[in-house]
Amino acid sequence: MYLRPLRAIFNTAISEQIIEIEYYPFGKKKYSIPAPKSLKKALSKEQLKALFTTQPKTPEQEKAKAFWFFSYACNGMNIKDIANLQHKDISGDTLSFRRAKTSSTNKKQAPVIVYLEKFTLSVIEKYGNEQTDPNTYVFSIIDHSTTPVEQHQQLKNFIRYINQHFVKFAKSIEINEKVSTYWARHSFATSAIRNGASLEYVSEALSHSNLKTTIGYFAGFEDEKKREIAKKIMDF
């Protein structure tokens, strides 16, 4: 976690001729940064159904649920990207956006296309801004007139708000995992693949640059699906 940014700093310093390449500590026959352990944070079909169909007990939990499932339904969209959505990004039932996380490192990044359905449109209608001018933001999650530091803190506060109240909501129906906004993205990827979507489709939906990253999001097939495959394997 700390060494990867350090490696990026070294690469920049070498490219700008601040230091000589002989001082580069990474690479072949030098230090190799360990690969991070992939954590499978995806909810099952039954858990998703229970969360979606259960009515929250408080307005805070209801709002947290709405934005968690909005993220899930919009290809596992990050909360920062949701906060940066503008009305010009929506055309009819189609939403188009570029991921803020990779926009600075991948200039050729294709926009992510999301098809809005009844639920996602209802979230926009209930929690969205009344003004619908093309350049206005869909949700008032952060104040874009403030400094980048203040916007970052506002975003963190909103993510904390969702996580805090969604976890309480999940526990009320005996789902004891700490289901954060991070789970929405992994749950989308896993659910899409379990429902028959190809890795290539999910990779495109998540705006991943390679399939290896997408595979890391997949939590595997459930036992019921494995049994179904086993029954059909000899069905020539």
Protein backbone atom coordinates (compact mmCIF):
# COMPACT_ATOMS: atom_id res chain seq x y z
CA MET A 1 0.00 0.00 0.00
CA TYR A 2 2.82 2.40 0.85
CA LEU A 3 5.45 0.98 -1.49
CA ARG A 4 3.39 1.29 -4.67
CA PRO A 5 3.14 5.11 -4.38
CA LEU A 6 6.85 5.15 -3.51
CA ARG A 7 7.60 3.19 -6.70
CA ALA A 8 5.54 5.71 -8.69
CA ILE A 9 7.58 8.56 -7.17
CA PHE A 10 10.81 6.82 -8.16
CA ASN A 11 9.53 6.34 -11.72
CA THR A 12 8.61 10.01 -11.99
CA ALA A 13 11.95 11.12 -10.52
CA ILE A 14 13.85 8.96 -13.01
CA SER A 15 11.79 10.14 -16.00
CA GLU A 16 12.44 13.75 -14.99
CA GLN A 17 16.15 12.98 -14.49
CA ILE A 18 16.08 13.92 -10.83
CA ILE A 19 17.83 10.67 -9.88
CA GLU A 20 19.78 8.04 -11.80
CA ILE A 21 18.14 4.73 -12.69
CA GLU A 22 20.85 2.82 -10.79
CA TYR A 23 19.21 3.97 -7.54
CA TYR A 24 15.87 2.40 -8.51
CA PRO A 25 15.19 -0.19 -5.76
CA PHE A 26 12.47 -2.13 -7.55
CA GLY A 27 12.38 -4.64 -10.41
CA LYS A 28 14.34 -7.67 -11.54
CA LYS A 29 16.88 -8.91 -8.96
CA LYS A 30 15.83 -6.07 -6.66
CA TYR A 31 12.91 -5.61 -4.30
CA SER A 32 9.58 -7.01 -5.51
CA ILE A 33 6.46 -5.51 -3.91
CA PRO A 34 4.19 -8.33 -2.66
CA ALA A 35 0.87 -8.60 -4.45
CA PRO A 36 -2.05 -7.55 -2.24
CA LYS A 37 -4.35 -10.28 -0.99
CA SER A 38 -7.58 -10.23 -2.93
CA LEU A 39 -10.56 -9.89 -0.60
CA LYS A 40 -13.84 -11.28 -1.91
CA LYS A 41 -16.47 -8.86 -0.63
CA ALA A 42 -19.64 -9.84 -2.46
CA LEU A 43 -23.11 -10.53 -1.14
CA SER A 44 -25.06 -13.60 -2.17
CA LYS A 45 -28.23 -13.48 -4.25
CA GLU A 46 -30.31 -14.21 -1.15
CA GLN A 47 -28.62 -11.45 0.86
CA LEU A 48 -29.09 -8.91 -1.93
CA LYS A 49 -32.77 -9.82 -2.22
CA ALA A 50 -33.30 -9.55 1.53
CA LEU A 51 -31.64 -6.13 1.69
CA PHE A 52 -33.49 -4.80 -1.35
CA THR A 53 -36.96 -5.97 -0.31
CA THR A 54 -36.76 -5.06 3.40
CA GLN A 55 -38.00 -1.65 4.46
CA PRO A 56 -35.40 0.25 6.58
CA LYS A 57 -36.42 1.46 10.02
CA THR A 58 -35.04 5.02 9.76
CA PRO A 59 -34.76 7.71 7.06
CA GLU A 60 -30.97 7.51 7.40
CA GLN A 61 -30.96 3.79 6.69
CA GLU A 62 -33.35 4.32 3.78
CA LYS A 63 -31.02 6.89 2.21
CA ALA A 64 -27.98 4.69 2.80
CA LYS A 65 -29.79 1.75 1.19
CA ALA A 66 -30.81 3.88 -1.80
CA PHE A 67 -27.27 5.03 -2.56
CA TRP A 68 -25.73 1.59 -1.90
CA PHE A 69 -28.07 -0.06 -4.38
CA PHE A 70 -27.71 2.86 -6.80
CA SER A 71 -23.97 2.14 -6.82
CA TYR A 72 -24.65 -1.59 -7.25
CA ALA A 73 -27.16 -1.08 -10.08
CA CYS A 74 -24.91 1.39 -11.90
CA ASN A 75 -22.13 -1.15 -12.60
CA GLY A 76 -20.69 -0.84 -9.10
CA MET A 77 -20.19 2.89 -9.55
CA ASN A 78 -17.89 4.52 -6.99
CA ILE A 79 -19.44 7.09 -4.66
CA LYS A 80 -17.03 9.74 -5.94
CA ASP A 81 -18.29 9.18 -9.47
CA ILE A 82 -21.87 9.39 -8.21
CA ALA A 83 -21.02 12.70 -6.51
CA ASN A 84 -19.53 14.04 -9.75
CA LEU A 85 -22.51 13.11 -11.94
CA GLN A 86 -23.97 16.00 -13.90
CA HIS A 87 -27.29 16.13 -15.72
CA LYS A 88 -25.47 16.32 -19.05
CA ASP A 89 -24.22 12.78 -18.31
CA ILE A 90 -27.81 11.50 -18.51
CA SER A 91 -29.63 11.11 -21.80
CA GLY A 92 -33.04 9.48 -21.48
CA ASP A 93 -32.48 6.16 -19.74
CA THR A 94 -28.73 6.13 -20.41
CA LEU A 95 -26.00 7.32 -18.06
CA SER A 96 -22.43 7.87 -19.28
CA PHE A 97 -19.44 8.69 -17.08
CA ARG A 98 -15.67 8.33 -16.81
CA ARG A 99 -14.15 6.96 -13.61
CA ALA A 100 -12.41 9.65 -11.56
CA LYS A 101 -10.02 7.03 -10.13
CA THR A 102 -8.40 6.24 -13.49
CA SER A 103 -9.12 9.36 -15.56
CA SER A 104 -5.70 10.87 -14.84
CA THR A 105 -3.74 7.67 -15.56
CA ASN A 106 -5.72 6.37 -18.53
CA LYS A 107 -6.33 9.15 -21.05
CA LYS A 108 -7.92 6.71 -23.52
CA GLN A 109 -10.44 5.47 -21.00
CA ALA A 110 -13.79 4.78 -22.66
CA PRO A 111 -16.88 6.08 -20.86
CA VAL A 112 -18.89 3.64 -18.79
CA ILE A 113 -22.43 3.24 -20.09
CA VAL A 114 -25.22 2.45 -17.63
CA TYR A 115 -28.85 1.83 -18.54
CA LEU A 116 -31.09 3.36 -15.92
CA GLU A 117 -34.05 1.34 -14.72
CA LYS A 118 -37.06 2.06 -12.50
CA PHE A 119 -35.08 1.86 -9.24
CA THR A 120 -32.13 4.03 -10.27
CA LEU A 121 -34.45 6.64 -11.78
CA SER A 122 -36.44 6.69 -8.52
CA VAL A 123 -33.26 7.42 -6.52
CA ILE A 124 -32.46 10.36 -8.80
CA GLU A 125 -36.02 11.63 -8.48
CA LYS A 126 -36.05 11.36 -4.67
CA TYR A 127 -32.53 12.47 -3.75
CA GLY A 128 -31.47 14.46 -6.82
CA ASN A 129 -31.32 18.22 -7.20
CA GLU A 130 -34.40 20.04 -8.45
CA GLN A 131 -32.34 21.98 -10.98
CA THR A 132 -31.69 19.91 -14.08
CA ASP A 133 -29.49 22.22 -16.13
CA PRO A 134 -26.83 20.25 -18.05
CA ASN A 135 -23.93 21.46 -15.89
CA THR A 136 -25.63 21.07 -12.52
CA TYR A 137 -24.77 18.06 -10.39
CA VAL A 138 -27.35 15.32 -10.00
CA PHE A 139 -26.81 14.91 -6.25
CA SER A 140 -25.79 17.42 -3.56
CA ILE A 141 -23.19 15.14 -2.03
CA ILE A 142 -20.33 17.64 -2.13
CA ASP A 143 -20.11 21.39 -2.63
CA HIS A 144 -18.10 21.81 -5.83
CA SER A 145 -17.48 25.49 -5.10
CA THR A 146 -15.20 24.59 -2.17
CA THR A 147 -11.52 23.63 -2.24
CA PRO A 148 -10.41 20.12 -3.30
CA VAL A 149 -9.43 19.36 0.30
CA GLU A 150 -12.89 20.33 1.56
CA GLN A 151 -14.57 18.33 -1.22
CA HIS A 152 -12.50 15.29 -0.30
CA GLN A 153 -13.61 15.56 3.32
CA GLN A 154 -17.26 15.99 2.30
CA LEU A 155 -17.02 12.86 0.17
CA LYS A 156 -15.45 10.89 3.05
CA ASN A 157 -18.24 12.06 5.35
CA PHE A 158 -20.91 10.88 2.92
CA ILE A 159 -19.26 7.47 2.43
CA ARG A 160 -19.02 7.12 6.21
CA TYR A 161 -22.71 8.04 6.46
CA ILE A 162 -23.69 5.31 3.97
CA ASN A 163 -21.47 2.69 5.58
CA GLN A 164 -22.60 3.45 9.13
CA HIS A 165 -26.32 3.29 8.41
CA PHE A 166 -26.19 0.47 5.84
CA VAL A 167 -24.31 -1.77 8.26
CA LYS A 168 -27.00 -1.13 10.90
CA PHE A 169 -29.67 -1.92 8.33
CA ALA A 170 -27.91 -5.14 7.30
CA LYS A 171 -27.53 -6.25 10.91
CA SER A 172 -31.26 -5.69 11.48
CA ILE A 173 -31.91 -8.59 9.08
CA GLU A 174 -29.04 -10.69 10.48
CA ILE A 175 -26.42 -9.90 7.84
CA ASN A 176 -23.46 -9.32 10.12
CA GLU A 177 -20.74 -8.51 7.59
CA LYS A 178 -19.57 -4.89 7.53
CA VAL A 179 -21.23 -4.22 4.18
CA SER A 180 -19.57 -1.02 3.00
CA THR A 181 -19.88 0.81 -0.33
CA TYR A 182 -16.86 -1.26 -1.41
CA TRP A 183 -19.10 -4.34 -1.39
CA ALA A 184 -21.51 -2.83 -3.94
CA ARG A 185 -18.89 -2.93 -6.70
CA HIS A 186 -17.78 -6.49 -5.93
CA SER A 187 -21.40 -7.63 -5.56
CA PHE A 188 -22.26 -6.20 -8.99
CA ALA A 189 -19.35 -8.01 -10.64
CA THR A 190 -20.08 -11.32 -8.92
CA SER A 191 -23.84 -11.14 -9.48
CA ALA A 192 -23.40 -10.28 -13.18
CA ILE A 193 -21.05 -13.24 -13.77
CA ARG A 194 -23.26 -15.63 -11.79
CA ASN A 195 -26.18 -14.53 -13.97
CA GLY A 196 -24.32 -15.44 -17.14
CA ALA A 197 -22.47 -12.25 -18.09
CA SER A 198 -19.04 -12.80 -19.64
CA LEU A 199 -15.84 -11.61 -17.99
CA GLU A 200 -15.31 -9.31 -20.96
CA TYR A 201 -18.69 -7.65 -20.41
CA VAL A 202 -18.12 -7.19 -16.67
CA SER A 203 -14.59 -5.89 -17.29
CA GLU A 204 -16.00 -3.27 -19.66
CA ALA A 205 -18.81 -2.40 -17.25
CA LEU A 206 -16.28 -1.85 -14.45
CA SER A 207 -13.92 0.04 -16.79
CA HIS A 208 -11.04 -2.32 -16.01
CA SER A 209 -7.97 -2.27 -18.23
CA ASN A 210 -7.48 -6.05 -18.04
CA LEU A 211 -9.42 -9.19 -17.17
CA LYS A 212 -7.08 -10.08 -14.30
CA THR A 213 -8.42 -7.15 -12.29
CA THR A 214 -12.00 -8.23 -13.00
CA ILE A 215 -11.28 -11.80 -11.90
CA GLY A 216 -10.10 -10.40 -8.57
CA TYR A 217 -13.60 -8.96 -8.02
CA PHE A 218 -15.38 -12.27 -8.60
CA ALA A 219 -16.27 -14.13 -5.39
CA GLY A 220 -16.84 -17.46 -7.15
CA PHE A 221 -19.93 -19.50 -7.90
CA GLU A 222 -22.37 -20.50 -5.18
CA ASP A 223 -22.92 -24.19 -4.39
CA GLU A 224 -26.31 -24.22 -6.10
CA LYS A 225 -24.76 -23.03 -9.37
CA LYS A 226 -21.98 -25.60 -9.08
CA ARG A 227 -24.56 -28.36 -8.66
CA GLU A 228 -26.45 -27.07 -11.71
CA ILE A 229 -23.27 -27.16 -13.80
CA ALA A 230 -22.41 -30.66 -12.53
CA LYS A 231 -25.86 -31.96 -13.53
CA LYS A 232 -25.53 -30.54 -17.05
CA ILE A 233 -21.88 -31.50 -17.70
CA MET A 234 -22.89 -34.87 -19.15
CA ASP A 235 -25.88 -33.46 -21.03
CA PHE A 236 -24.39 -33.80 -24.53
